[in-house]
Amino acid sequence: MFPLISGLVIERGGMLSHGAIIAREFGIPSVVGVKDATRLIPDGATVCVDGDRGTVRVGG
């Protein structure tokens, strides 16, 4: 799946979680520890992931 995504938002874990490590290897921005991400991000939403700042913006 990683070659298909442009960014990754992870609810649990840290910088050494499997998803974060693989995202880094693919050069994909990721933000970890986003509480309730699966509840707050609706299906089909456009999401802007800033891995440098650790921010996630829904809707643009």
PDB file of N, CA and C in Angstrom:
ATOM      1  N   MET A   1       0.809  -1.202   0.000  1.00  0.00           N
ATOM      2  CA  MET A   1       0.000   0.000   0.000  1.00  0.00           C
ATOM      3  C   MET A   1       0.851   1.265   0.000  1.00  0.00           C
ATOM      4  N   PHE A   2       2.025   1.225   0.574  1.00  0.00           N
ATOM      5  CA  PHE A   2       2.822   2.447   0.706  1.00  0.00           C
ATOM      6  C   PHE A   2       3.143   3.132  -0.620  1.00  0.00           C
ATOM      7  N   PRO A   3       3.389   2.395  -1.705  1.00  0.00           N
ATOM      8  CA  PRO A   3       3.623   3.103  -2.970  1.00  0.00           C
ATOM      9  C   PRO A   3       2.393   3.865  -3.479  1.00  0.00           C
ATOM     10  N   LEU A   4       1.223   3.589  -2.928  1.00  0.00           N
ATOM     11  CA  LEU A   4      -0.013   4.224  -3.382  1.00  0.00           C
ATOM     12  C   LEU A   4      -0.401   5.453  -2.582  1.00  0.00           C
ATOM     13  N   ILE A   5       0.224   5.682  -1.425  1.00  0.00           N
ATOM     14  CA  ILE A   5      -0.211   6.784  -0.561  1.00  0.00           C
ATOM     15  C   ILE A   5       0.746   7.969  -0.645  1.00  0.00           C
ATOM     16  N   SER A   6       0.230   9.152  -0.282  1.00  0.00           N
ATOM     17  CA  SER A   6       1.029  10.378  -0.302  1.00  0.00           C
ATOM     18  C   SER A   6       1.377  10.850   1.094  1.00  0.00           C
ATOM     19  N   GLY A   7       0.694  10.331   2.109  1.00  0.00           N
ATOM     20  CA  GLY A   7       0.937  10.707   3.494  1.00  0.00           C
ATOM     21  C   GLY A   7       0.327   9.667   4.413  1.00  0.00           C
ATOM     22  N   LEU A   8       0.794   9.653   5.662  1.00  0.00           N
ATOM     23  CA  LEU A   8       0.333   8.649   6.623  1.00  0.00           C
ATOM     24  C   LEU A   8       0.029   9.311   7.962  1.00  0.00           C
ATOM     25  N   VAL A   9      -1.143   8.995   8.505  1.00  0.00           N
ATOM     26  CA  VAL A   9      -1.552   9.471   9.827  1.00  0.00           C
ATOM     27  C   VAL A   9      -1.763   8.232  10.687  1.00  0.00           C
ATOM     28  N   ILE A  10      -1.079   8.180  11.836  1.00  0.00           N
ATOM     29  CA  ILE A  10      -1.127   7.014  12.711  1.00  0.00           C
ATOM     30  C   ILE A  10      -1.663   7.427  14.079  1.00  0.00           C
ATOM     31  N   GLU A  11      -2.649   6.679  14.585  1.00  0.00           N
ATOM     32  CA  GLU A  11      -3.226   6.986  15.889  1.00  0.00           C
ATOM     33  C   GLU A  11      -2.317   6.598  17.045  1.00  0.00           C
ATOM     34  N   ARG A  12      -1.744   5.421  16.973  1.00  0.00           N
ATOM     35  CA  ARG A  12      -0.956   4.908  18.092  1.00  0.00           C
ATOM     36  C   ARG A  12       0.480   4.659  17.667  1.00  0.00           C
ATOM     37  N   GLY A  13       1.351   4.637  18.636  1.00  0.00           N
ATOM     38  CA  GLY A  13       2.750   4.343  18.359  1.00  0.00           C
ATOM     39  C   GLY A  13       3.596   5.589  18.387  1.00  0.00           C
ATOM     40  N   GLY A  14       4.811   5.425  17.974  1.00  0.00           N
ATOM     41  CA  GLY A  14       5.749   6.529  17.984  1.00  0.00           C
ATOM     42  C   GLY A  14       6.585   6.528  16.722  1.00  0.00           C
ATOM     43  N   MET A  15       7.648   7.283  16.738  1.00  0.00           N
ATOM     44  CA  MET A  15       8.507   7.422  15.576  1.00  0.00           C
ATOM     45  C   MET A  15       9.169   6.102  15.175  1.00  0.00           C
ATOM     46  N   LEU A  16       9.217   5.153  16.093  1.00  0.00           N
ATOM     47  CA  LEU A  16       9.819   3.866  15.782  1.00  0.00           C
ATOM     48  C   LEU A  16       8.779   2.789  15.464  1.00  0.00           C
ATOM     49  N   SER A  17       7.524   3.196  15.284  1.00  0.00           N
ATOM     50  CA  SER A  17       6.492   2.225  14.908  1.00  0.00           C
ATOM     51  C   SER A  17       6.739   1.785  13.461  1.00  0.00           C
ATOM     52  N   HIS A  18       6.250   0.611  13.140  1.00  0.00           N
ATOM     53  CA  HIS A  18       6.486   0.032  11.817  1.00  0.00           C
ATOM     54  C   HIS A  18       6.041   0.976  10.696  1.00  0.00           C
ATOM     55  N   GLY A  19       4.848   1.524  10.817  1.00  0.00           N
ATOM     56  CA  GLY A  19       4.324   2.413   9.778  1.00  0.00           C
ATOM     57  C   GLY A  19       5.191   3.643   9.575  1.00  0.00           C
ATOM     58  N   ALA A  20       5.643   4.245  10.663  1.00  0.00           N
ATOM     59  CA  ALA A  20       6.472   5.441  10.568  1.00  0.00           C
ATOM     60  C   ALA A  20       7.817   5.136   9.908  1.00  0.00           C
ATOM     61  N   ILE A  21       8.395   4.001  10.235  1.00  0.00           N
ATOM     62  CA  ILE A  21       9.689   3.624   9.661  1.00  0.00           C
ATOM     63  C   ILE A  21       9.560   3.356   8.166  1.00  0.00           C
ATOM     64  N   ILE A  22       8.527   2.623   7.772  1.00  0.00           N
ATOM     65  CA  ILE A  22       8.330   2.324   6.350  1.00  0.00           C
ATOM     66  C   ILE A  22       8.021   3.599   5.574  1.00  0.00           C
ATOM     67  N   ALA A  23       7.207   4.493   6.149  1.00  0.00           N
ATOM     68  CA  ALA A  23       6.903   5.763   5.494  1.00  0.00           C
ATOM     69  C   ALA A  23       8.184   6.559   5.265  1.00  0.00           C
ATOM     70  N   ARG A  24       9.059   6.581   6.240  1.00  0.00           N
ATOM     71  CA  ARG A  24      10.328   7.301   6.098  1.00  0.00           C
ATOM     72  C   ARG A  24      11.155   6.700   4.957  1.00  0.00           C
ATOM     73  N   GLU A  25      11.185   5.372   4.874  1.00  0.00           N
ATOM     74  CA  GLU A  25      11.950   4.710   3.813  1.00  0.00           C
ATOM     75  C   GLU A  25      11.392   5.028   2.425  1.00  0.00           C
ATOM     76  N   PHE A  26      10.080   5.226   2.330  1.00  0.00           N
ATOM     77  CA  PHE A  26       9.454   5.573   1.059  1.00  0.00           C
ATOM     78  C   PHE A  26       9.448   7.082   0.809  1.00  0.00           C
ATOM     79  N   GLY A  27       9.888   7.877   1.781  1.00  0.00           N
ATOM     80  CA  GLY A  27       9.871   9.331   1.634  1.00  0.00           C
ATOM     81  C   GLY A  27       8.486   9.928   1.741  1.00  0.00           C
ATOM     82  N   ILE A  28       7.609   9.252   2.494  1.00  0.00           N
ATOM     83  CA  ILE A  28       6.226   9.695   2.660  1.00  0.00           C
ATOM     84  C   ILE A  28       6.095  10.434   3.984  1.00  0.00           C
ATOM     85  N   PRO A  29       5.515  11.647   3.994  1.00  0.00           N
ATOM     86  CA  PRO A  29       5.328  12.357   5.261  1.00  0.00           C
ATOM     87  C   PRO A  29       4.369  11.587   6.169  1.00  0.00           C
ATOM     88  N   SER A  30       4.677  11.568   7.464  1.00  0.00           N
ATOM     89  CA  SER A  30       3.799  10.882   8.416  1.00  0.00           C
ATOM     90  C   SER A  30       3.737  11.657   9.716  1.00  0.00           C
ATOM     91  N   VAL A  31       2.603  11.510  10.377  1.00  0.00           N
ATOM     92  CA  VAL A  31       2.387  12.092  11.703  1.00  0.00           C
ATOM     93  C   VAL A  31       1.857  10.973  12.580  1.00  0.00           C
ATOM     94  N   VAL A  32       2.502  10.743  13.712  1.00  0.00           N
ATOM     95  CA  VAL A  32       2.095   9.655  14.607  1.00  0.00           C
ATOM     96  C   VAL A  32       1.482  10.217  15.884  1.00  0.00           C
ATOM     97  N   GLY A  33       0.664   9.400  16.529  1.00  0.00           N
ATOM     98  CA  GLY A  33       0.052   9.787  17.798  1.00  0.00           C
ATOM     99  C   GLY A  33      -1.107  10.745  17.655  1.00  0.00           C
ATOM    100  N   VAL A  34      -1.855  10.658  16.562  1.00  0.00           N
ATOM    101  CA  VAL A  34      -3.004  11.535  16.328  1.00  0.00           C
ATOM    102  C   VAL A  34      -4.230  10.867  16.942  1.00  0.00           C
ATOM    103  N   LYS A  35      -4.614  11.331  18.114  1.00  0.00           N
ATOM    104  CA  LYS A  35      -5.731  10.741  18.844  1.00  0.00           C
ATOM    105  C   LYS A  35      -7.027  10.857  18.045  1.00  0.00           C
ATOM    106  N   ASP A  36      -7.757   9.740  17.952  1.00  0.00           N
ATOM    107  CA  ASP A  36      -9.064   9.669  17.276  1.00  0.00           C
ATOM    108  C   ASP A  36      -9.009  10.006  15.786  1.00  0.00           C
ATOM    109  N   ALA A  37      -7.872   9.782  15.144  1.00  0.00           N
ATOM    110  CA  ALA A  37      -7.733  10.114  13.721  1.00  0.00           C
ATOM    111  C   ALA A  37      -8.770   9.403  12.867  1.00  0.00           C
ATOM    112  N   THR A  38      -9.025   8.127  13.131  1.00  0.00           N
ATOM    113  CA  THR A  38      -9.989   7.389  12.309  1.00  0.00           C
ATOM    114  C   THR A  38     -11.414   7.880  12.519  1.00  0.00           C
ATOM    115  N   ARG A  39     -11.673   8.498  13.650  1.00  0.00           N
ATOM    116  CA  ARG A  39     -13.001   9.058  13.899  1.00  0.00           C
ATOM    117  C   ARG A  39     -13.121  10.468  13.318  1.00  0.00           C
ATOM    118  N   LEU A  40     -12.030  11.235  13.383  1.00  0.00           N
ATOM    119  CA  LEU A  40     -12.074  12.633  12.967  1.00  0.00           C
ATOM    120  C   LEU A  40     -11.883  12.851  11.470  1.00  0.00           C
ATOM    121  N   ILE A  41     -11.243  11.910  10.780  1.00  0.00           N
ATOM    122  CA  ILE A  41     -11.016  12.050   9.343  1.00  0.00           C
ATOM    123  C   ILE A  41     -12.057  11.203   8.615  1.00  0.00           C
ATOM    124  N   PRO A  42     -13.009  11.849   7.936  1.00  0.00           N
ATOM    125  CA  PRO A  42     -14.056  11.089   7.246  1.00  0.00           C
ATOM    126  C   PRO A  42     -13.511  10.375   6.010  1.00  0.00           C
ATOM    127  N   ASP A  43     -14.165   9.284   5.626  1.00  0.00           N
ATOM    128  CA  ASP A  43     -13.791   8.561   4.412  1.00  0.00           C
ATOM    129  C   ASP A  43     -13.832   9.491   3.215  1.00  0.00           C
ATOM    130  N   GLY A  44     -12.812   9.411   2.380  1.00  0.00           N
ATOM    131  CA  GLY A  44     -12.771  10.204   1.155  1.00  0.00           C
ATOM    132  C   GLY A  44     -12.312  11.628   1.333  1.00  0.00           C
ATOM    133  N   ALA A  45     -11.960  12.026   2.553  1.00  0.00           N
ATOM    134  CA  ALA A  45     -11.545  13.400   2.809  1.00  0.00           C
ATOM    135  C   ALA A  45     -10.167  13.667   2.208  1.00  0.00           C
ATOM    136  N   THR A  46      -9.940  14.908   1.803  1.00  0.00           N
ATOM    137  CA  THR A  46      -8.616  15.352   1.400  1.00  0.00           C
ATOM    138  C   THR A  46      -7.875  15.745   2.658  1.00  0.00           C
ATOM    139  N   VAL A  47      -6.664  15.223   2.826  1.00  0.00           N
ATOM    140  CA  VAL A  47      -5.906  15.441   4.054  1.00  0.00           C
ATOM    141  C   VAL A  47      -4.524  15.968   3.701  1.00  0.00           C
ATOM    142  N   CYS A  48      -4.092  17.015   4.378  1.00  0.00           N
ATOM    143  CA  CYS A  48      -2.748  17.568   4.205  1.00  0.00           C
ATOM    144  C   CYS A  48      -1.917  17.149   5.421  1.00  0.00           C
ATOM    145  N   VAL A  49      -0.848  16.392   5.181  1.00  0.00           N
ATOM    146  CA  VAL A  49       0.010  15.885   6.250  1.00  0.00           C
ATOM    147  C   VAL A  49       1.351  16.599   6.170  1.00  0.00           C
ATOM    148  N   ASP A  50       1.709  17.334   7.213  1.00  0.00           N
ATOM    149  CA  ASP A  50       3.002  18.001   7.301  1.00  0.00           C
ATOM    150  C   ASP A  50       3.847  17.264   8.326  1.00  0.00           C
ATOM    151  N   GLY A  51       4.686  16.367   7.854  1.00  0.00           N
ATOM    152  CA  GLY A  51       5.510  15.564   8.733  1.00  0.00           C
ATOM    153  C   GLY A  51       6.555  16.366   9.476  1.00  0.00           C
ATOM    154  N   ASP A  52       7.035  17.464   8.892  1.00  0.00           N
ATOM    155  CA  ASP A  52       8.036  18.305   9.553  1.00  0.00           C
ATOM    156  C   ASP A  52       7.463  19.008  10.793  1.00  0.00           C
ATOM    157  N   ARG A  53       6.237  19.480  10.656  1.00  0.00           N
ATOM    158  CA  ARG A  53       5.587  20.212  11.755  1.00  0.00           C
ATOM    159  C   ARG A  53       4.721  19.320  12.631  1.00  0.00           C
ATOM    160  N   GLY A  54       4.419  18.119  12.145  1.00  0.00           N
ATOM    161  CA  GLY A  54       3.567  17.209  12.903  1.00  0.00           C
ATOM    162  C   GLY A  54       2.120  17.616  12.899  1.00  0.00           C
ATOM    163  N   THR A  55       1.657  18.205  11.771  1.00  0.00           N
ATOM    164  CA  THR A  55       0.274  18.639  11.702  1.00  0.00           C
ATOM    165  C   THR A  55      -0.489  17.877  10.623  1.00  0.00           C
ATOM    166  N   VAL A  56      -1.790  17.760  10.852  1.00  0.00           N
ATOM    167  CA  VAL A  56      -2.703  17.120   9.906  1.00  0.00           C
ATOM    168  C   VAL A  56      -3.873  18.078   9.720  1.00  0.00           C
ATOM    169  N   ARG A  57      -4.156  18.424   8.450  1.00  0.00           N
ATOM    170  CA  ARG A  57      -5.274  19.321   8.166  1.00  0.00           C
ATOM    171  C   ARG A  57      -6.246  18.590   7.249  1.00  0.00           C
ATOM    172  N   VAL A  58      -7.498  18.528   7.641  1.00  0.00           N
ATOM    173  CA  VAL A  58      -8.535  17.866   6.861  1.00  0.00           C
ATOM    174  C   VAL A  58      -9.229  18.886   5.987  1.00  0.00           C
ATOM    175  N   GLY A  59      -9.394  18.542   4.716  1.00  0.00           N
ATOM    176  CA  GLY A  59     -10.124  19.422   3.803  1.00  0.00           C
ATOM    177  C   GLY A  59      -9.248  20.360   3.020  1.00  0.00           C
ATOM    178  N   GLY A  60      -8.037  20.005   2.783  1.00  0.00           N
ATOM    179  CA  GLY A  60      -7.253  20.873   1.920  1.00  0.00           C
ATOM    180  C   GLY A  60      -5.842  20.848   2.257  1.00  0.00           C
TER     181      GLY A  60
END
